Amino acid sequence: MADDGVLLYAVAGCLFRVPDGVQPPKAGSRFFQRHLRVSPGERVLEIGAGFGLTAVLAARAGARVVATDVLPAAVAAVRQNALLNGVAVDPRLGDGYAPVAGERFDLICSNPPQMPTPPGRDRDDPLAAADNGGVDGWEILDRVIAGARAHLEPRGRLAFTIFGFLGRKAALAKVEAAGLSPEVVASETEAFPRIGYERLDHIRALDAEGALPPRDPPRSVERLLIQGTARD
């Protein structure tokens, strides 16, 4: 559905408005929303909240949610969608953990851009940036993982998604190195993203764990939800 250039998206009894310039829901965000688990009363931080899909549903489940994004249009969309669905979300503008300096959470979650981008192929427009995970796909994820421990309560959790070709073992090792106990909490097979075919040679060169077929074009990709739990 659409309304004057605004996509209307309905899920789980909620209605969302997705304005131009903000990434609409894709397979990864739907996977993230379906498998992320929050409990009533938990304080939750979502980094890169987009139009607020996960943030609003977490608030509807009883969590106290802070949702950040680098795009003013996304922050405005989170605010509007929280009001539209009758929940309280604290939307903040800023990069990574900058908007929550000194704060701690029971759950930090993110489904950030993670598509590997060949050198010289990055663009500045918001929708292209939503697919830009840096040269190896880990540019934003690495910052989210590295900063999590300082912003988690004791036994707090970090949760994020990855494409399988970024490496299950690599993801678990990064979480472990950040001082968290890692595990895979969900996985599913999705259609291989269209933009991935444009970057296939580059992605194959990064696929150290052999997640993709070596010669034939991949038809699908594994999506994983990784969790790390603070040890104290």
C-alpha atoms as a PDB file:
ATOM      1  CA  MET A   1       0.000   0.000   0.000  1.00  0.00           C
ATOM      2  CA  ALA A   2       1.145   3.581  -0.563  1.00  0.00           C
ATOM      3  CA  ASP A   3       0.055   7.070   0.530  1.00  0.00           C
ATOM      4  CA  ASP A   4       1.589  10.087  -1.275  1.00  0.00           C
ATOM      5  CA  GLY A   5       5.006   8.474  -1.687  1.00  0.00           C
ATOM      6  CA  VAL A   6       4.852   6.757   1.691  1.00  0.00           C
ATOM      7  CA  LEU A   7       4.860   2.962   1.846  1.00  0.00           C
ATOM      8  CA  LEU A   8       2.386   1.518   4.341  1.00  0.00           C
ATOM      9  CA  TYR A   9       3.522  -1.761   5.908  1.00  0.00           C
ATOM     10  CA  ALA A  10       1.383  -3.914   8.211  1.00  0.00           C
ATOM     11  CA  VAL A  11       2.761  -6.689  10.433  1.00  0.00           C
ATOM     12  CA  ALA A  12       1.949  -8.279  13.802  1.00  0.00           C
ATOM     13  CA  GLY A  13      -1.100  -6.078  14.289  1.00  0.00           C
ATOM     14  CA  CYS A  14       0.872  -2.862  13.710  1.00  0.00           C
ATOM     15  CA  LEU A  15       0.859  -0.380  10.835  1.00  0.00           C
ATOM     16  CA  PHE A  16       4.028   1.422   9.758  1.00  0.00           C
ATOM     17  CA  ARG A  17       4.628   4.380   7.459  1.00  0.00           C
ATOM     18  CA  VAL A  18       7.913   4.194   5.525  1.00  0.00           C
ATOM     19  CA  PRO A  19       8.748   7.560   3.927  1.00  0.00           C
ATOM     20  CA  ASP A  20      10.855   8.120   0.842  1.00  0.00           C
ATOM     21  CA  GLY A  21      14.549   8.037   1.683  1.00  0.00           C
ATOM     22  CA  VAL A  22      14.172   5.391   4.412  1.00  0.00           C
ATOM     23  CA  GLN A  23      14.859   1.729   3.628  1.00  0.00           C
ATOM     24  CA  PRO A  24      11.633  -0.306   3.324  1.00  0.00           C
ATOM     25  CA  PRO A  25      11.414  -3.726   5.004  1.00  0.00           C
ATOM     26  CA  LYS A  26      13.537  -6.398   3.318  1.00  0.00           C
ATOM     27  CA  ALA A  27      14.160 -10.070   4.064  1.00  0.00           C
ATOM     28  CA  GLY A  28      16.829  -9.328   6.673  1.00  0.00           C
ATOM     29  CA  SER A  29      14.726  -6.878   8.662  1.00  0.00           C
ATOM     30  CA  ARG A  30      11.762  -9.267   8.621  1.00  0.00           C
ATOM     31  CA  PHE A  31      13.983 -12.129   9.821  1.00  0.00           C
ATOM     32  CA  PHE A  32      15.386  -9.882  12.577  1.00  0.00           C
ATOM     33  CA  GLN A  33      11.904  -8.827  13.702  1.00  0.00           C
ATOM     34  CA  ARG A  34      10.573 -12.405  13.781  1.00  0.00           C
ATOM     35  CA  HIS A  35      13.413 -13.926  15.806  1.00  0.00           C
ATOM     36  CA  LEU A  36      14.502 -11.170  18.200  1.00  0.00           C
ATOM     37  CA  ARG A  37      13.270 -11.925  21.717  1.00  0.00           C
ATOM     38  CA  VAL A  38      12.609  -9.189  24.269  1.00  0.00           C
ATOM     39  CA  SER A  39      11.003  -9.337  27.697  1.00  0.00           C
ATOM     40  CA  PRO A  40       8.709  -6.827  29.405  1.00  0.00           C
ATOM     41  CA  GLY A  41      10.677  -4.263  31.364  1.00  0.00           C
ATOM     42  CA  GLU A  42      13.961  -4.800  29.518  1.00  0.00           C
ATOM     43  CA  ARG A  43      15.843  -1.691  28.438  1.00  0.00           C
ATOM     44  CA  VAL A  44      16.600  -2.139  24.742  1.00  0.00           C
ATOM     45  CA  LEU A  45      18.855  -0.215  22.356  1.00  0.00           C
ATOM     46  CA  GLU A  46      18.432  -0.646  18.615  1.00  0.00           C
ATOM     47  CA  ILE A  47      21.263   0.785  16.517  1.00  0.00           C
ATOM     48  CA  GLY A  48      20.202   1.660  12.974  1.00  0.00           C
ATOM     49  CA  ALA A  49      16.472   1.511  13.621  1.00  0.00           C
ATOM     50  CA  GLY A  50      15.315   2.568  10.166  1.00  0.00           C
ATOM     51  CA  PHE A  51      11.605   3.276  10.177  1.00  0.00           C
ATOM     52  CA  GLY A  52      11.187   1.604  13.574  1.00  0.00           C
ATOM     53  CA  LEU A  53       9.888  -1.881  12.814  1.00  0.00           C
ATOM     54  CA  THR A  54      11.853  -3.725  15.494  1.00  0.00           C
ATOM     55  CA  ALA A  55      11.822  -0.827  17.970  1.00  0.00           C
ATOM     56  CA  VAL A  56       8.044  -0.454  17.885  1.00  0.00           C
ATOM     57  CA  LEU A  57       7.385  -4.188  18.186  1.00  0.00           C
ATOM     58  CA  ALA A  58       9.836  -4.431  21.098  1.00  0.00           C
ATOM     59  CA  ALA A  59       8.054  -1.568  22.835  1.00  0.00           C
ATOM     60  CA  ARG A  60       4.736  -3.272  22.177  1.00  0.00           C
ATOM     61  CA  ALA A  61       6.141  -6.355  23.943  1.00  0.00           C
ATOM     62  CA  GLY A  62       6.772  -4.223  27.036  1.00  0.00           C
ATOM     63  CA  ALA A  63      10.409  -3.202  26.567  1.00  0.00           C
ATOM     64  CA  ARG A  64      11.742   0.310  27.183  1.00  0.00           C
ATOM     65  CA  VAL A  65      13.318   1.144  23.845  1.00  0.00           C
ATOM     66  CA  VAL A  66      15.912   3.638  22.634  1.00  0.00           C
ATOM     67  CA  ALA A  67      16.176   3.641  18.817  1.00  0.00           C
ATOM     68  CA  THR A  68      19.030   5.401  17.012  1.00  0.00           C
ATOM     69  CA  ASP A  69      19.792   6.150  13.389  1.00  0.00           C
ATOM     70  CA  VAL A  70      22.106   8.436  11.421  1.00  0.00           C
ATOM     71  CA  LEU A  71      19.278   9.624   9.146  1.00  0.00           C
ATOM     72  CA  PRO A  72      16.992  12.406  10.410  1.00  0.00           C
ATOM     73  CA  ALA A  73      14.199  11.004   8.232  1.00  0.00           C
ATOM     74  CA  ALA A  74      14.518   7.622   9.961  1.00  0.00           C
ATOM     75  CA  VAL A  75      14.432   9.160  13.436  1.00  0.00           C
ATOM     76  CA  ALA A  76      11.300  11.088  12.445  1.00  0.00           C
ATOM     77  CA  ALA A  77       9.761   7.872  11.072  1.00  0.00           C
ATOM     78  CA  VAL A  78      10.457   5.995  14.326  1.00  0.00           C
ATOM     79  CA  ARG A  79       8.776   8.780  16.302  1.00  0.00           C
ATOM     80  CA  GLN A  80       5.771   8.794  13.994  1.00  0.00           C
ATOM     81  CA  ASN A  81       5.385   5.009  13.931  1.00  0.00           C
ATOM     82  CA  ALA A  82       5.590   4.778  17.713  1.00  0.00           C
ATOM     83  CA  LEU A  83       2.760   7.314  17.988  1.00  0.00           C
ATOM     84  CA  LEU A  84       0.798   5.552  15.251  1.00  0.00           C
ATOM     85  CA  ASN A  85       0.948   2.280  17.194  1.00  0.00           C
ATOM     86  CA  GLY A  86       0.433   3.723  20.666  1.00  0.00           C
ATOM     87  CA  VAL A  87       3.820   2.824  22.170  1.00  0.00           C
ATOM     88  CA  ALA A  88       6.673   4.786  23.711  1.00  0.00           C
ATOM     89  CA  VAL A  89      10.027   4.744  21.909  1.00  0.00           C
ATOM     90  CA  ASP A  90      12.923   7.159  22.528  1.00  0.00           C
ATOM     91  CA  PRO A  91      14.301   7.961  19.034  1.00  0.00           C
ATOM     92  CA  ARG A  92      17.742   9.604  18.861  1.00  0.00           C
ATOM     93  CA  LEU A  93      19.847  10.898  15.996  1.00  0.00           C
ATOM     94  CA  GLY A  94      23.464   9.813  15.837  1.00  0.00           C
ATOM     95  CA  ASP A  95      26.079   7.261  14.823  1.00  0.00           C
ATOM     96  CA  GLY A  96      26.637   4.021  16.706  1.00  0.00           C
ATOM     97  CA  TYR A  97      26.793   4.444  20.473  1.00  0.00           C
ATOM     98  CA  ALA A  98      27.282   8.231  20.394  1.00  0.00           C
ATOM     99  CA  PRO A  99      23.638   9.019  21.266  1.00  0.00           C
ATOM    100  CA  VAL A 100      23.743   6.752  24.373  1.00  0.00           C
ATOM    101  CA  ALA A 101      27.132   7.611  25.889  1.00  0.00           C
ATOM    102  CA  GLY A 102      27.322   6.386  29.494  1.00  0.00           C
ATOM    103  CA  GLU A 103      24.066   4.392  29.296  1.00  0.00           C
ATOM    104  CA  ARG A 104      23.569   0.645  29.723  1.00  0.00           C
ATOM    105  CA  PHE A 105      20.988  -1.761  28.370  1.00  0.00           C
ATOM    106  CA  ASP A 106      19.668  -5.280  28.859  1.00  0.00           C
ATOM    107  CA  LEU A 107      19.657  -5.823  25.090  1.00  0.00           C
ATOM    108  CA  ILE A 108      21.542  -4.121  22.272  1.00  0.00           C
ATOM    109  CA  CYS A 109      20.354  -5.150  18.830  1.00  0.00           C
ATOM    110  CA  SER A 110      21.165  -4.212  15.258  1.00  0.00           C
ATOM    111  CA  ASN A 111      20.472  -5.303  11.705  1.00  0.00           C
ATOM    112  CA  PRO A 112      22.942  -2.935  10.052  1.00  0.00           C
ATOM    113  CA  PRO A 113      24.128  -2.612   6.449  1.00  0.00           C
ATOM    114  CA  GLN A 114      26.422  -5.579   5.805  1.00  0.00           C
ATOM    115  CA  MET A 115      26.591  -6.081   2.058  1.00  0.00           C
ATOM    116  CA  PRO A 116      30.280  -6.019   1.035  1.00  0.00           C
ATOM    117  CA  THR A 117      30.936  -3.058  -1.236  1.00  0.00           C
ATOM    118  CA  PRO A 118      33.848  -3.170  -3.705  1.00  0.00           C
ATOM    119  CA  PRO A 119      36.310  -0.270  -3.410  1.00  0.00           C
ATOM    120  CA  GLY A 120      35.049   2.806  -5.224  1.00  0.00           C
ATOM    121  CA  ARG A 121      31.469   1.531  -5.439  1.00  0.00           C
ATOM    122  CA  ASP A 122      30.063   3.253  -2.336  1.00  0.00           C
ATOM    123  CA  ARG A 123      27.510   6.053  -2.761  1.00  0.00           C
ATOM    124  CA  ASP A 124      26.216   8.761  -0.447  1.00  0.00           C
ATOM    125  CA  ASP A 125      22.472   8.513  -1.067  1.00  0.00           C
ATOM    126  CA  PRO A 126      20.553   7.005   1.903  1.00  0.00           C
ATOM    127  CA  LEU A 127      19.150   3.938   0.140  1.00  0.00           C
ATOM    128  CA  ALA A 128      22.562   2.963  -1.253  1.00  0.00           C
ATOM    129  CA  ALA A 129      24.129   3.503   2.175  1.00  0.00           C
ATOM    130  CA  ALA A 130      21.580   1.065   3.620  1.00  0.00           C
ATOM    131  CA  ASP A 131      23.308  -1.698   1.617  1.00  0.00           C
ATOM    132  CA  ASN A 132      26.900  -0.591   2.295  1.00  0.00           C
ATOM    133  CA  GLY A 133      28.711  -2.678   4.896  1.00  0.00           C
ATOM    134  CA  GLY A 134      32.136  -1.471   3.817  1.00  0.00           C
ATOM    135  CA  VAL A 135      34.654  -3.417   1.763  1.00  0.00           C
ATOM    136  CA  ASP A 136      34.316  -6.641   3.814  1.00  0.00           C
ATOM    137  CA  GLY A 137      30.742  -6.197   5.097  1.00  0.00           C
ATOM    138  CA  TRP A 138      31.915  -5.791   8.699  1.00  0.00           C
ATOM    139  CA  GLU A 139      32.510  -2.028   8.865  1.00  0.00           C
ATOM    140  CA  ILE A 140      29.434  -1.195  10.975  1.00  0.00           C
ATOM    141  CA  LEU A 141      29.067  -4.598  12.622  1.00  0.00           C
ATOM    142  CA  ASP A 142      32.602  -4.440  14.007  1.00  0.00           C
ATOM    143  CA  ARG A 143      31.837  -1.132  15.738  1.00  0.00           C
ATOM    144  CA  VAL A 144      28.566  -2.452  17.145  1.00  0.00           C
ATOM    145  CA  ILE A 145      30.292  -5.557  18.539  1.00  0.00           C
ATOM    146  CA  ALA A 146      33.318  -3.693  19.915  1.00  0.00           C
ATOM    147  CA  GLY A 147      31.226  -1.146  21.809  1.00  0.00           C
ATOM    148  CA  ALA A 148      28.603  -3.493  23.193  1.00  0.00           C
ATOM    149  CA  ARG A 149      30.315  -4.637  26.380  1.00  0.00           C
ATOM    150  CA  ALA A 150      30.638  -1.079  27.725  1.00  0.00           C
ATOM    151  CA  HIS A 151      26.907  -0.513  27.227  1.00  0.00           C
ATOM    152  CA  LEU A 152      25.496  -3.802  28.520  1.00  0.00           C
ATOM    153  CA  GLU A 153      24.139  -4.530  31.976  1.00  0.00           C
ATOM    154  CA  PRO A 154      25.445  -7.669  33.718  1.00  0.00           C
ATOM    155  CA  ARG A 155      24.152 -10.676  31.736  1.00  0.00           C
ATOM    156  CA  GLY A 156      22.965  -8.261  29.059  1.00  0.00           C
ATOM    157  CA  ARG A 157      22.777  -9.427  25.445  1.00  0.00           C
ATOM    158  CA  LEU A 158      23.959  -8.236  22.068  1.00  0.00           C
ATOM    159  CA  ALA A 159      21.998  -9.506  19.050  1.00  0.00           C
ATOM    160  CA  PHE A 160      22.713  -8.874  15.371  1.00  0.00           C
ATOM    161  CA  THR A 161      22.183 -10.470  11.982  1.00  0.00           C
ATOM    162  CA  ILE A 162      24.721 -11.522   9.363  1.00  0.00           C
ATOM    163  CA  PHE A 163      24.716 -12.996   5.897  1.00  0.00           C
ATOM    164  CA  GLY A 164      26.168 -16.497   5.986  1.00  0.00           C
ATOM    165  CA  PHE A 165      28.939 -15.552   3.574  1.00  0.00           C
ATOM    166  CA  LEU A 166      30.353 -13.147   6.197  1.00  0.00           C
ATOM    167  CA  GLY A 167      31.201 -16.251   8.201  1.00  0.00           C
ATOM    168  CA  ARG A 168      29.489 -17.978  11.113  1.00  0.00           C
ATOM    169  CA  LYS A 169      32.840 -18.838  12.739  1.00  0.00           C
ATOM    170  CA  ALA A 170      34.132 -15.317  12.178  1.00  0.00           C
ATOM    171  CA  ALA A 171      31.052 -13.796  13.827  1.00  0.00           C
ATOM    172  CA  LEU A 172      31.294 -16.030  16.879  1.00  0.00           C
ATOM    173  CA  ALA A 173      35.015 -15.276  17.215  1.00  0.00           C
ATOM    174  CA  LYS A 174      34.405 -11.515  17.051  1.00  0.00           C
ATOM    175  CA  VAL A 175      31.742 -11.734  19.769  1.00  0.00           C
ATOM    176  CA  GLU A 176      34.026 -13.874  21.937  1.00  0.00           C
ATOM    177  CA  ALA A 177      36.888 -11.390  21.497  1.00  0.00           C
ATOM    178  CA  ALA A 178      34.583  -8.597  22.651  1.00  0.00           C
ATOM    179  CA  GLY A 179      34.114 -10.353  26.013  1.00  0.00           C
ATOM    180  CA  LEU A 180      30.704 -11.903  25.327  1.00  0.00           C
ATOM    181  CA  SER A 181      29.595 -15.545  25.223  1.00  0.00           C
ATOM    182  CA  PRO A 182      28.514 -16.169  21.600  1.00  0.00           C
ATOM    183  CA  GLU A 183      25.822 -18.363  20.092  1.00  0.00           C
ATOM    184  CA  VAL A 184      23.651 -18.654  16.989  1.00  0.00           C
ATOM    185  CA  VAL A 185      20.032 -18.278  18.076  1.00  0.00           C
ATOM    186  CA  ALA A 186      18.256 -18.453  14.700  1.00  0.00           C
ATOM    187  CA  SER A 187      18.943 -19.087  11.029  1.00  0.00           C
ATOM    188  CA  GLU A 188      16.983 -19.311   7.792  1.00  0.00           C
ATOM    189  CA  THR A 189      17.570 -19.544   4.074  1.00  0.00           C
ATOM    190  CA  GLU A 190      16.624 -16.503   1.999  1.00  0.00           C
ATOM    191  CA  ALA A 191      16.764 -15.665  -1.687  1.00  0.00           C
ATOM    192  CA  PHE A 192      20.181 -14.332  -2.620  1.00  0.00           C
ATOM    193  CA  PRO A 193      19.906 -10.528  -2.686  1.00  0.00           C
ATOM    194  CA  ARG A 194      19.788  -8.964  -6.139  1.00  0.00           C
ATOM    195  CA  ILE A 195      22.515  -6.455  -5.330  1.00  0.00           C
ATOM    196  CA  GLY A 196      24.728  -9.392  -4.365  1.00  0.00           C
ATOM    197  CA  TYR A 197      24.834 -10.603  -7.969  1.00  0.00           C
ATOM    198  CA  GLU A 198      26.334  -7.256  -8.990  1.00  0.00           C
ATOM    199  CA  ARG A 199      29.114  -7.833  -6.425  1.00  0.00           C
ATOM    200  CA  LEU A 200      29.422 -11.595  -6.642  1.00  0.00           C
ATOM    201  CA  ASP A 201      33.120 -11.821  -7.518  1.00  0.00           C
ATOM    202  CA  HIS A 202      33.957  -9.486  -4.642  1.00  0.00           C
ATOM    203  CA  ILE A 203      31.755 -11.434  -2.200  1.00  0.00           C
ATOM    204  CA  ARG A 204      33.249 -14.788  -3.274  1.00  0.00           C
ATOM    205  CA  ALA A 205      36.740 -13.442  -2.603  1.00  0.00           C
ATOM    206  CA  LEU A 206      35.645 -12.742   1.003  1.00  0.00           C
ATOM    207  CA  ASP A 207      33.808 -16.056   1.537  1.00  0.00           C
ATOM    208  CA  ALA A 208      36.519 -17.719   3.627  1.00  0.00           C
ATOM    209  CA  GLU A 209      34.148 -20.316   5.100  1.00  0.00           C
ATOM    210  CA  GLY A 210      32.730 -21.506   1.769  1.00  0.00           C
ATOM    211  CA  ALA A 211      29.118 -20.498   2.322  1.00  0.00           C
ATOM    212  CA  LEU A 212      28.487 -19.920  -1.398  1.00  0.00           C
ATOM    213  CA  PRO A 213      28.813 -22.374  -4.298  1.00  0.00           C
ATOM    214  CA  PRO A 214      32.236 -21.854  -5.897  1.00  0.00           C
ATOM    215  CA  ARG A 215      31.076 -21.663  -9.525  1.00  0.00           C
ATOM    216  CA  ASP A 216      27.304 -21.578 -10.037  1.00  0.00           C
ATOM    217  CA  PRO A 217      25.400 -18.385  -9.202  1.00  0.00           C
ATOM    218  CA  PRO A 218      23.910 -18.764  -5.701  1.00  0.00           C
ATOM    219  CA  ARG A 219      20.137 -18.909  -5.491  1.00  0.00           C
ATOM    220  CA  SER A 220      19.972 -18.510  -1.737  1.00  0.00           C
ATOM    221  CA  VAL A 221      21.933 -17.307   1.265  1.00  0.00           C
ATOM    222  CA  GLU A 222      21.828 -18.224   4.930  1.00  0.00           C
ATOM    223  CA  ARG A 223      20.850 -15.471   7.349  1.00  0.00           C
ATOM    224  CA  LEU A 224      21.947 -15.842  10.990  1.00  0.00           C
ATOM    225  CA  LEU A 225      20.959 -14.150  14.225  1.00  0.00           C
ATOM    226  CA  ILE A 226      24.018 -14.032  16.474  1.00  0.00           C
ATOM    227  CA  GLN A 227      23.799 -13.343  20.192  1.00  0.00           C
ATOM    228  CA  GLY A 228      26.513 -12.522  22.707  1.00  0.00           C
ATOM    229  CA  THR A 229      25.835 -12.497  26.439  1.00  0.00           C
ATOM    230  CA  ALA A 230      27.883 -10.489  28.927  1.00  0.00           C
ATOM    231  CA  ARG A 231      29.605 -12.824  31.333  1.00  0.00           C
ATOM    232  CA  ASP A 232      29.019 -10.700  34.443  1.00  0.00           C
END
